[in-house]
Protein backbone atom coordinates (compact mmCIF):
# COMPACT_ATOMS: atom_id res chain seq x y z
CA UNK A 1 98.09 90.36 61.74
CA UNK A 2 96.91 93.29 63.12
CA UNK A 3 93.74 92.85 60.91
CA UNK A 4 93.41 89.20 61.52
CA UNK A 5 93.11 89.82 65.26
CA UNK A 6 90.72 92.83 65.22
CA UNK A 7 88.92 90.74 63.04
CA UNK A 8 88.77 87.82 65.68
CA UNK A 9 87.90 90.06 68.79
CA UNK A 10 85.24 91.30 66.80
CA UNK A 11 83.49 87.91 65.65
CA UNK A 12 84.43 86.63 69.53
CA UNK A 13 82.31 89.79 70.74
CA UNK A 14 79.47 89.70 68.76
CA UNK A 15 78.78 85.89 69.57
CA UNK A 16 79.25 87.32 73.06
CA UNK A 17 76.14 89.41 72.47
CA UNK A 18 73.93 86.81 70.97
CA UNK A 19 74.51 84.62 74.07
CA UNK A 20 72.72 84.57 77.14
CA UNK A 21 73.49 87.29 79.70
CA UNK A 22 74.63 86.37 83.33
CA UNK A 23 73.24 89.89 84.13
CA UNK A 24 71.65 92.54 83.02
CA UNK A 25 73.31 96.11 83.49
CA UNK A 26 69.59 97.06 84.64
CA UNK A 27 69.72 94.63 87.31
CA UNK A 28 72.16 94.32 90.41
CA UNK A 29 75.08 91.91 89.61
CA UNK A 30 74.03 88.77 91.37
CA UNK A 31 76.86 86.35 92.49
CA UNK A 32 77.73 83.43 90.24
CA UNK A 33 76.87 80.31 91.43
CA UNK A 34 80.12 77.72 92.31
CA UNK A 35 79.43 75.56 89.28
CA UNK A 36 80.44 78.15 87.11
CA UNK A 37 83.45 76.05 85.13
CA UNK A 38 84.50 79.07 82.63
CA UNK A 39 87.28 80.40 84.83
CA UNK A 40 89.45 79.16 87.48
CA UNK A 41 90.71 81.68 90.44
CA UNK A 42 93.13 80.97 93.62
CA UNK A 43 90.93 80.63 96.99
CA UNK A 44 91.40 84.22 98.26
CA UNK A 45 89.88 85.37 94.89
CA UNK A 46 85.74 84.89 94.82
CA UNK A 47 84.02 85.67 91.41
CA UNK A 48 81.40 87.57 92.11
CA UNK A 49 79.92 87.86 88.41
CA UNK A 50 79.94 89.86 85.41
CA UNK A 51 78.08 92.19 82.64
CA UNK A 52 79.55 89.89 79.18
CA UNK A 53 77.32 92.91 77.44
CA UNK A 54 80.63 94.81 77.98
CA UNK A 55 83.35 92.70 75.39
CA UNK A 56 85.38 94.27 73.35
CA UNK A 57 86.93 96.94 75.74
CA UNK A 58 89.79 97.80 78.40
CA UNK A 59 88.11 100.65 79.06
CA UNK A 60 87.25 102.32 82.03
CA UNK A 61 87.48 105.00 85.30
CA UNK A 62 86.59 104.96 88.76
CA UNK A 63 85.36 108.62 89.96
CA UNK A 64 87.68 110.52 92.37
CA UNK A 65 85.01 109.83 95.13
CA UNK A 66 84.44 106.78 94.42
CA UNK A 67 80.82 106.54 93.80
CA UNK A 68 80.59 105.93 89.80
CA UNK A 69 82.33 103.86 87.11
CA UNK A 70 82.92 104.72 83.47
CA UNK A 71 83.17 102.14 80.88
CA UNK A 72 83.61 103.12 77.53
CA UNK A 73 82.71 99.66 75.72
CA UNK A 74 82.20 99.93 71.39
CA UNK A 75 78.66 100.75 71.64
CA UNK A 76 79.57 104.29 74.00
CA UNK A 77 79.49 105.63 77.30
CA UNK A 78 77.91 104.09 80.72
CA UNK A 79 78.08 105.03 84.06
CA UNK A 80 77.69 102.56 86.97
CA UNK A 81 76.24 103.40 90.67
CA UNK A 82 79.69 101.47 92.72
CA UNK A 83 78.11 102.82 96.01
CA UNK A 84 77.77 99.33 96.66
CA UNK A 85 80.78 97.89 94.67
CA UNK A 86 80.43 94.71 94.77
CA UNK A 87 76.92 94.91 92.83
CA UNK A 88 77.24 97.72 90.48
CA UNK A 89 73.87 99.06 89.00
CA UNK A 90 73.53 101.05 86.19
CA UNK A 91 72.74 105.12 86.04
CA UNK A 92 72.73 106.27 82.06
CA UNK A 93 74.41 105.82 79.00
CA UNK A 94 75.29 107.66 75.68
CA UNK A 95 75.82 105.85 72.11
CA UNK A 96 79.29 106.53 71.00
CA UNK A 97 80.57 104.43 67.91
CA UNK A 98 83.91 103.20 68.06
CA UNK A 99 85.35 103.24 64.66
CA UNK A 100 88.16 100.96 63.12
CA UNK A 101 90.22 99.10 65.44
CA UNK A 102 88.01 100.28 68.20
CA UNK A 103 85.26 98.40 67.29
CA UNK A 104 86.81 95.46 68.72
CA UNK A 105 89.62 97.70 70.97
CA UNK A 106 87.90 100.36 72.18
CA UNK A 107 88.98 103.73 73.84
CA UNK A 108 91.30 102.12 76.59
CA UNK A 109 91.88 104.49 79.60
CA UNK A 110 88.86 107.16 79.53
CA UNK A 111 89.87 110.11 81.77
CA UNK A 112 87.92 112.23 83.71
CA UNK A 113 87.49 114.86 86.42
CA UNK A 114 83.73 113.92 87.31
CA UNK A 115 82.07 116.81 85.24
CA UNK A 116 83.40 115.45 82.00
CA UNK A 117 84.95 112.41 80.13
CA UNK A 118 87.17 112.05 77.14
CA UNK A 119 86.32 109.74 74.64
CA UNK A 120 86.92 109.20 70.91
CA UNK A 121 83.75 108.45 69.01
CA UNK A 122 80.84 108.54 66.36
CA UNK A 123 77.84 109.74 67.22
CA UNK A 124 76.34 107.78 64.28
CA UNK A 125 77.45 103.93 63.64
CA UNK A 126 78.55 104.91 60.28
CA UNK A 127 79.95 108.43 61.38
CA UNK A 128 83.72 109.67 61.48
CA UNK A 129 84.89 109.41 65.10
CA UNK A 130 86.25 112.37 67.07
CA UNK A 131 87.37 113.30 70.64
CA UNK A 132 84.18 113.91 72.49
CA UNK A 133 83.87 115.85 75.73
CA UNK A 134 81.29 114.20 77.27
CA UNK A 135 79.17 115.66 80.69
CA UNK A 136 78.80 113.37 82.97
CA UNK A 137 77.57 115.51 85.62
CA UNK A 138 74.68 113.64 85.51
CA UNK A 139 74.90 110.34 84.86
CA UNK A 140 71.40 109.90 83.90
CA UNK A 141 71.52 112.65 81.37
CA UNK A 142 75.03 112.37 79.55
CA UNK A 143 75.47 114.76 76.68
CA UNK A 144 77.97 115.24 74.38
CA UNK A 145 79.57 119.41 75.11
CA UNK A 146 81.69 119.61 72.58
CA UNK A 147 83.79 117.90 69.55
CA UNK A 148 87.53 118.00 68.36
CA UNK A 149 87.90 116.84 65.28
CA UNK A 150 91.13 114.46 65.92
CA UNK A 151 91.40 111.15 67.67
CA UNK A 152 94.05 109.61 69.91
CA UNK A 153 94.34 105.87 70.78
CA UNK A 154 94.33 107.53 74.91
CA UNK A 155 94.14 110.80 77.01
CA UNK A 156 95.06 112.21 79.72
CA UNK A 157 93.29 115.04 81.64
CA UNK A 158 96.03 117.70 82.92
CA UNK A 159 95.38 120.03 85.65
CA UNK A 160 94.84 123.74 85.35
CA UNK A 161 92.81 126.03 85.67
CA UNK A 162 89.41 127.28 84.23
CA UNK A 163 87.95 130.43 82.44
CA UNK A 164 86.39 131.28 85.68
CA UNK A 165 90.30 130.82 87.31
CA UNK A 166 89.04 128.10 89.12
CA UNK A 167 91.03 124.81 89.54
CA UNK A 168 90.44 122.32 87.52
CA UNK A 169 91.53 118.80 87.34
CA UNK A 170 90.74 117.99 83.45
CA UNK A 171 91.46 122.07 81.96
CA UNK A 172 93.53 120.39 79.00
CA UNK A 173 93.80 116.80 77.77
CA UNK A 174 96.81 115.23 76.23
CA UNK A 175 97.01 112.86 73.33
CA UNK A 176 99.56 110.53 73.03
CA UNK A 177 100.55 111.81 69.65
CA UNK A 178 101.13 114.82 71.19
CA UNK A 179 98.09 116.84 70.99
CA UNK A 180 97.18 119.55 73.21
CA UNK A 181 93.07 120.28 73.96
CA UNK A 182 92.57 122.97 75.65
CA UNK A 183 89.06 122.90 77.97
CA UNK A 184 89.32 125.28 79.66
CA UNK A 185 85.60 125.90 78.64
CA UNK A 186 84.61 122.29 77.82
CA UNK A 187 81.97 123.91 75.55
CA UNK A 188 84.40 125.06 73.56
CA UNK A 189 87.01 122.45 73.28
CA UNK A 190 90.03 123.54 71.00
CA UNK A 191 93.00 121.80 69.68
CA UNK A 192 96.00 124.30 70.40
CA UNK A 193 99.12 124.71 67.39
CA UNK A 194 101.59 123.44 69.74
CA UNK A 195 102.60 119.69 71.27
CA UNK A 196 103.84 118.55 74.15
CA UNK A 197 105.80 116.43 72.13
CA UNK A 198 107.73 119.60 71.22
CA UNK A 199 108.31 121.08 74.40
CA UNK A 200 109.99 118.11 76.38
CA UNK A 201 111.89 117.21 72.74
CA UNK A 202 110.13 113.88 72.18
CA UNK A 203 109.25 114.82 68.63
CA UNK A 204 106.02 116.63 67.54
CA UNK A 205 102.47 115.39 66.25
CA UNK A 206 102.98 111.93 65.47
CA UNK A 207 103.25 109.06 67.30
CA UNK A 208 107.09 109.01 67.15
CA UNK A 209 109.34 107.90 69.73
CA UNK A 210 106.19 105.51 70.46
CA UNK A 211 104.64 106.12 73.51
CA UNK A 212 101.70 104.36 74.81
CA UNK A 213 99.94 106.57 77.02
CA UNK A 214 100.54 109.42 79.53
CA UNK A 215 99.57 109.59 83.62
CA UNK A 216 99.13 112.86 85.46
CA UNK A 217 101.44 111.77 88.87
CA UNK A 218 100.25 115.22 90.37
CA UNK A 219 99.15 118.75 89.17
CA UNK A 220 101.88 119.61 87.62
CA UNK A 221 103.54 116.06 87.11
CA UNK A 222 103.13 114.41 84.46
CA UNK A 223 104.79 110.94 82.77
CA UNK A 224 104.81 109.01 79.45
CA UNK A 225 105.05 105.07 79.48
CA UNK A 226 106.20 104.08 75.92
CA UNK A 227 109.84 103.14 74.31
CA UNK A 228 111.28 105.29 77.43
CA UNK A 229 109.64 106.88 79.85
CA UNK A 230 109.81 110.84 80.29
CA UNK A 231 108.82 113.07 82.89
CA UNK A 232 107.52 116.50 82.58
CA UNK A 233 106.40 119.68 84.89
CA UNK A 234 103.34 120.98 83.58
CA UNK A 235 102.50 123.66 85.57
CA UNK A 236 101.85 125.44 82.14
CA UNK A 237 100.28 122.67 80.45
CA UNK A 238 100.97 124.29 77.03
CA UNK A 239 104.42 124.62 77.00
CA UNK A 240 105.77 120.98 79.83
CA UNK A 241 109.38 121.36 81.00
CA UNK A 242 111.14 117.87 80.31
CA UNK A 243 112.62 116.88 83.80
CA UNK A 244 114.00 113.57 83.59
CA UNK A 245 113.62 110.64 81.64
CA UNK A 246 114.54 106.65 81.81
CA UNK A 247 116.44 105.65 78.38
CA UNK A 248 115.32 101.89 77.49
CA UNK A 249 118.33 102.44 74.30
CA UNK A 250 116.27 100.45 71.79
CA UNK A 251 115.75 97.57 74.41
CA UNK A 252 111.71 96.91 73.34
CA UNK A 253 111.54 95.21 69.48
CA UNK A 254 107.97 97.14 69.44
CA UNK A 255 106.20 98.91 71.48
CA UNK A 256 107.38 99.59 75.04
CA UNK A 257 106.15 101.01 78.46
CA UNK A 258 102.61 100.77 78.44
CA UNK A 259 101.41 102.59 81.91
CA UNK A 260 102.59 103.96 84.66
CA UNK A 261 101.60 104.09 88.49
CA UNK A 262 103.71 106.13 91.23
CA UNK A 263 101.73 106.05 94.18
CA UNK A 264 100.95 109.18 96.77
CA UNK A 265 101.57 111.95 94.08
CA UNK A 266 104.70 110.68 92.99
CA UNK A 267 106.09 110.88 96.89
CA UNK A 268 106.34 107.19 97.18
CA UNK A 269 110.02 105.30 97.16
CA UNK A 270 108.89 103.38 94.04
CA UNK A 271 107.85 103.67 90.54
CA UNK A 272 105.83 100.73 88.47
CA UNK A 273 106.19 100.17 85.72
CA UNK A 274 104.31 97.91 83.24
CA UNK A 275 104.86 96.96 79.73
CA UNK A 276 102.93 95.80 76.13
CA UNK A 277 104.78 94.10 73.91
CA UNK A 278 103.71 93.62 70.40
CA UNK A 279 103.67 89.56 68.61
CA UNK A 280 107.38 89.89 67.86
CA UNK A 281 110.74 88.61 68.72
CA UNK A 282 112.15 85.44 69.92
CA UNK A 283 110.06 85.25 73.45
CA UNK A 284 106.61 87.19 72.28
CA UNK A 285 105.99 85.61 68.91
CA UNK A 286 102.07 85.14 69.26
CA UNK A 287 101.77 81.27 70.58
CA UNK A 288 104.43 82.11 72.81
CA UNK A 289 104.82 81.89 76.54
CA UNK A 290 105.44 85.20 77.54
CA UNK A 291 108.81 84.81 79.60
CA UNK A 292 111.70 86.76 79.20
CA UNK A 293 112.84 90.06 80.08
CA UNK A 294 110.05 92.55 78.31
CA UNK A 295 106.88 90.98 79.23
CA UNK A 296 106.80 92.43 82.60
CA UNK A 297 105.53 94.61 85.29
CA UNK A 298 108.92 96.81 86.97
CA UNK A 299 109.18 97.97 90.25
CA UNK A 300 112.07 101.37 90.10
CA UNK A 301 113.66 102.87 93.25
CA UNK A 302 112.31 106.53 92.73
CA UNK A 303 114.22 108.04 95.95
CA UNK A 304 116.79 110.48 93.91
CA UNK A 305 113.60 111.78 91.64
CA UNK A 306 111.77 112.60 94.78
CA UNK A 307 114.69 114.64 96.50
CA UNK A 308 115.29 116.08 92.97
CA UNK A 309 111.43 117.50 92.73
CA UNK A 310 111.90 118.50 96.10
CA UNK A 311 114.75 120.79 95.30
CA UNK A 312 113.31 121.76 91.58
CA UNK A 313 110.09 123.38 94.04
CA UNK A 314 112.45 125.02 95.98
CA UNK A 315 113.94 126.93 93.06
CA UNK A 316 116.96 125.14 91.54
CA UNK A 317 116.88 124.45 87.99
CA UNK A 318 116.68 121.02 85.87
CA UNK A 319 119.90 120.59 85.49
CA UNK A 320 120.70 121.09 89.46
CA UNK A 321 117.87 119.01 90.62
CA UNK A 322 117.99 116.39 88.33
CA UNK A 323 121.62 116.16 87.03
CA UNK A 324 123.01 113.19 88.76
CA UNK A 325 119.58 112.09 90.05
CA UNK A 326 118.46 108.87 88.45
CA UNK A 327 115.58 106.05 88.80
CA UNK A 328 117.19 102.74 89.72
CA UNK A 329 115.50 99.33 88.43
CA UNK A 330 114.72 96.76 91.31
CA UNK A 331 112.18 93.90 90.45
CA UNK A 332 110.21 92.72 87.73
CA UNK A 333 107.10 90.26 87.64
CA UNK A 334 106.10 88.42 84.86
CA UNK A 335 103.03 85.44 84.60
CA UNK A 336 104.73 84.00 81.57
CA UNK A 337 104.97 79.90 81.53
CA UNK A 338 102.08 77.48 79.80
CA UNK A 339 99.54 75.64 81.10
CA UNK A 340 95.65 75.99 81.28
CA UNK A 341 93.42 77.91 83.07
CA UNK A 342 92.78 75.38 85.78
CA UNK A 343 96.37 75.92 86.57
CA UNK A 344 96.46 79.79 86.46
CA UNK A 345 98.66 79.61 82.86
CA UNK A 346 97.19 79.85 79.12
CA UNK A 347 98.79 77.32 76.79
CA UNK A 348 100.32 80.34 74.44
CA UNK A 349 99.31 83.67 74.47
CA UNK A 350 97.27 85.51 71.02
CA UNK A 351 97.63 89.08 71.37
CA UNK A 352 100.11 90.75 73.98
CA UNK A 353 101.39 89.31 77.67
CA UNK A 354 101.04 91.92 80.38
CA UNK A 355 98.68 95.04 79.58
CA UNK A 356 97.09 98.05 82.14
CA UNK A 357 98.09 97.51 86.07
CA UNK A 358 96.64 99.58 89.17
CA UNK A 359 98.05 100.00 92.55
CA UNK A 360 95.63 99.43 95.34
CA UNK A 361 94.24 102.61 96.86
CA UNK A 362 96.42 102.33 100.18
CA UNK A 363 99.50 101.31 98.51
CA UNK A 364 102.26 103.40 100.38
CA UNK A 365 105.83 102.50 100.15
CA UNK A 366 104.40 98.55 99.36
CA UNK A 367 101.15 96.89 99.14
CA UNK A 368 98.95 95.06 96.46
CA UNK A 369 99.00 95.55 92.84
CA UNK A 370 96.18 94.08 90.26
CA UNK A 371 97.42 93.72 86.90
CA UNK A 372 96.18 92.22 83.23
CA UNK A 373 97.84 90.11 81.54
CA UNK A 374 95.50 89.07 78.35
CA UNK A 375 95.19 85.34 78.14
CA UNK A 376 96.47 84.84 81.77
CA UNK A 377 94.15 86.29 83.19
CA UNK A 378 93.96 88.80 86.05
CA UNK A 379 97.15 88.66 88.86
CA UNK A 380 97.67 89.91 92.18
CA UNK A 381 100.73 91.20 93.30
CA UNK A 382 102.38 92.69 96.22
CA UNK A 383 105.14 94.72 96.18
CA UNK A 384 107.01 94.54 99.43
CA UNK A 385 108.90 97.59 101.42
CA UNK A 386 111.82 96.68 99.41
CA UNK A 387 110.26 97.01 96.04
CA UNK A 388 110.46 93.18 95.12
CA UNK A 389 107.14 91.54 94.39
CA UNK A 390 105.35 88.57 95.07
CA UNK A 391 102.46 87.41 93.69
CA UNK A 392 99.56 86.27 95.71
CA UNK A 393 96.88 85.59 93.78
CA UNK A 394 95.15 84.93 90.59
CA UNK A 395 92.32 85.09 88.29
CA UNK A 396 91.91 83.51 84.89
CA UNK A 397 89.34 82.21 82.64
CA UNK A 398 89.05 79.24 80.45
CA UNK A 399 88.77 81.62 77.18
CA UNK A 400 89.03 85.34 77.99
CA UNK A 401 91.38 88.48 77.39
CA UNK A 402 91.92 90.15 80.43
CA UNK A 403 92.09 94.26 79.26
CA UNK A 404 92.62 95.92 82.59
CA UNK A 405 91.65 95.77 86.50
CA UNK A 406 90.72 98.69 88.64
CA UNK A 407 90.17 98.96 92.40
CA UNK A 408 86.42 100.01 93.39
CA UNK A 409 87.22 99.40 96.89
CA UNK A 410 90.11 97.70 99.45
CA UNK A 411 88.22 94.16 98.57
CA UNK A 412 86.85 94.96 95.18
CA UNK A 413 88.24 94.67 91.92
CA UNK A 414 86.54 95.29 88.29
CA UNK A 415 87.88 93.37 85.31
CA UNK A 416 87.50 94.59 82.01
CA UNK A 417 87.87 91.76 79.70
CA UNK A 418 87.60 92.10 75.76
CA UNK A 419 86.17 88.65 75.66
CA UNK A 420 83.95 88.39 78.72
CA UNK A 421 83.19 91.68 79.55
CA UNK A 422 82.72 93.84 82.88
CA UNK A 423 83.86 91.24 85.79
CA UNK A 424 83.52 92.16 89.28
CA UNK A 425 85.63 90.06 92.20
CA UNK A 426 86.90 90.24 95.68
CA UNK A 427 90.45 89.71 96.89
CA UNK A 428 89.60 88.42 100.32
CA UNK A 429 92.19 90.05 103.26
CA UNK A 430 93.26 85.99 103.64
CA UNK A 431 96.10 84.02 101.72
CA UNK A 432 95.84 81.71 99.27
CA UNK A 433 96.14 77.95 100.17
CA UNK A 434 100.10 76.97 99.56
CA UNK A 435 100.91 75.89 96.75
CA UNK A 436 97.89 77.81 94.28
CA UNK A 437 100.79 80.38 93.82
CA UNK A 438 102.80 79.42 90.72
CA UNK A 439 104.74 82.52 91.72
CA UNK A 440 105.64 82.48 95.11
CA UNK A 441 108.60 82.06 96.48
CA UNK A 442 109.02 78.25 97.97
CA UNK A 443 108.14 77.56 101.63
CA UNK A 444 110.83 76.53 103.66
CA UNK A 445 109.98 74.55 106.44
CA UNK A 446 106.09 75.26 107.19
CA UNK A 447 104.40 76.90 105.07
CA UNK A 448 103.93 80.81 105.65
CA UNK A 449 100.25 82.41 106.36
CA UNK A 450 99.55 86.20 105.79
CA UNK A 451 97.82 87.53 108.21
CA UNK A 452 96.16 89.94 105.90
CA UNK A 453 95.74 91.15 101.91
CA UNK A 454 99.16 93.30 101.54
CA UNK A 455 101.16 91.69 104.53
CA UNK A 456 104.18 89.19 103.95
CA UNK A 457 102.79 86.91 100.80
CA UNK A 458 102.96 83.21 100.90
CA UNK A 459 104.94 80.70 99.54
CA UNK A 460 104.13 77.55 97.22
CA UNK A 461 104.58 74.19 98.89
CA UNK A 462 107.57 72.48 96.80
CA UNK A 463 107.58 68.65 95.88
CA UNK A 464 109.36 65.95 98.54
CA UNK A 465 112.98 65.51 97.23
CA UNK A 466 112.59 62.33 95.41
CA UNK A 467 109.07 62.45 94.70
CA UNK A 468 109.09 63.79 91.88
CA UNK A 469 107.62 66.34 90.05
CA UNK A 470 103.57 66.90 90.00
CA UNK A 471 101.36 64.52 87.66
CA UNK A 472 99.77 67.03 84.72
CA UNK A 473 98.00 65.88 82.38
CA UNK A 474 99.08 66.26 79.15
CA UNK A 475 98.82 69.53 77.26
CA UNK A 476 96.20 68.36 74.50
CA UNK A 477 94.40 66.32 77.33
CA UNK A 478 94.40 69.76 79.56
CA UNK A 479 93.25 71.73 76.59
CA UNK A 480 90.08 69.48 75.82
CA UNK A 481 89.21 69.30 79.48
CA UNK A 482 89.03 73.27 79.01
CA UNK A 483 86.94 72.80 76.05
CA UNK A 484 84.60 70.34 77.04
CA UNK A 485 83.83 72.24 80.43
CA UNK A 486 83.55 75.93 78.45
CA UNK A 487 80.93 73.62 76.91
CA UNK A 488 79.33 72.73 79.97
CA UNK A 489 79.03 76.25 81.18
CA UNK A 490 77.76 77.70 77.93
CA UNK A 491 74.93 74.85 77.87
CA UNK A 492 74.33 76.16 82.11
CA UNK A 493 73.84 79.69 80.80
CA UNK A 494 71.11 78.87 78.17
CA UNK A 495 69.10 76.68 80.66
CA UNK A 496 69.58 79.61 83.03
CA UNK A 497 68.90 82.16 80.26
CA UNK A 498 64.93 82.39 81.56
CA UNK A 499 66.34 83.75 84.77
CA UNK A 500 67.38 87.01 82.97
């Protein structure tokens, strides 16, 4: 199955690169004309355009100062100027070739401190992939500082002090398989003999039990996302300490949690966990509707753990601080259903269901989140002050796999779509028209309207009693219409190729 999926995505990537580009990375991104029929969005989502050359990846990272966006695709590393986030321009690139599954599914979640970037890759198309430490301090002159003969699906920067004694947000790197790489001198990156997994009693070197990613919540605090979610003290990055864990006790048929977000450096009352479930099980087999209890984004009440962390910082032992403290699940969101892109859905799924998600930069106890949902596109979700989630908008392509979506500013979001490349959208500070959000609560009386994005969500208009369900085209007719629209768009792009 995996070989088939990789082959399919590789073929799609090559086909996509052969089509005329809607924009070129050396040019400013122009707006998409209103007749672009390859996607549908709620009317509070404005589609600004895309760079179709960046197919085959979910890998992107915004610099801490918000001025640069790093993209890792199967061909290498690219740096964009995001001082005008709605119109990114290419600053520089470095060829680094992905190998094996990376040919179609490039390095995810690249991490950086603004000076170095961590990415697996080979320096030649037929070379052997290694962890590459890339100097990105000058975007127009990217270069490899050092490399280590090891690879991993995700790498996470861990704060510490460098060899000069200065604080460094990427003094070490954790790989999901347990690796610890010493980057205190990035020109001499070194794989340590010990593993973070052994220190926190989560196996040793190797991805068992399953972990997909780690997130540094704040300096000295890292959390895993996998079959469970484990919180650790990384004050000494070479010897982390296990603090607490969200155990799922075999809940997931395969894979598990995919990523974790905890706003305000782990001081926010809510933790957010997102899953990625493999095509297995009664509700997740390829071709399913992605519904069920596992293909979800979850909010967890973290107030007890916030208190425990304060006690631990004040000198309490792990047992004293965390003995009775726990995370408590509050809500779950999913974008499952069947339909076509015109109504914000998909006939079924091919790869997985939920994928990467990210909280709004101004998230504080409540606020917005963007979620990539593969075939079901990109969803915008509001987390209320009570931790409950409501969808407030979406953008779904006719044929695409939304891999990750990231906030570049308060309104601009970049979407890394495996099939469509780097896409740019704006979430307007206004509600979607009532009735467009399939996952919003039903209206009671007059439809509610939000004053601004992030305020109380809108509602959907239900059919009048006795009016019957809204008429929908048959599935085959809907799918056929989608294919016709896609063909029309491809012909339009071919006619417009002279503009590029």
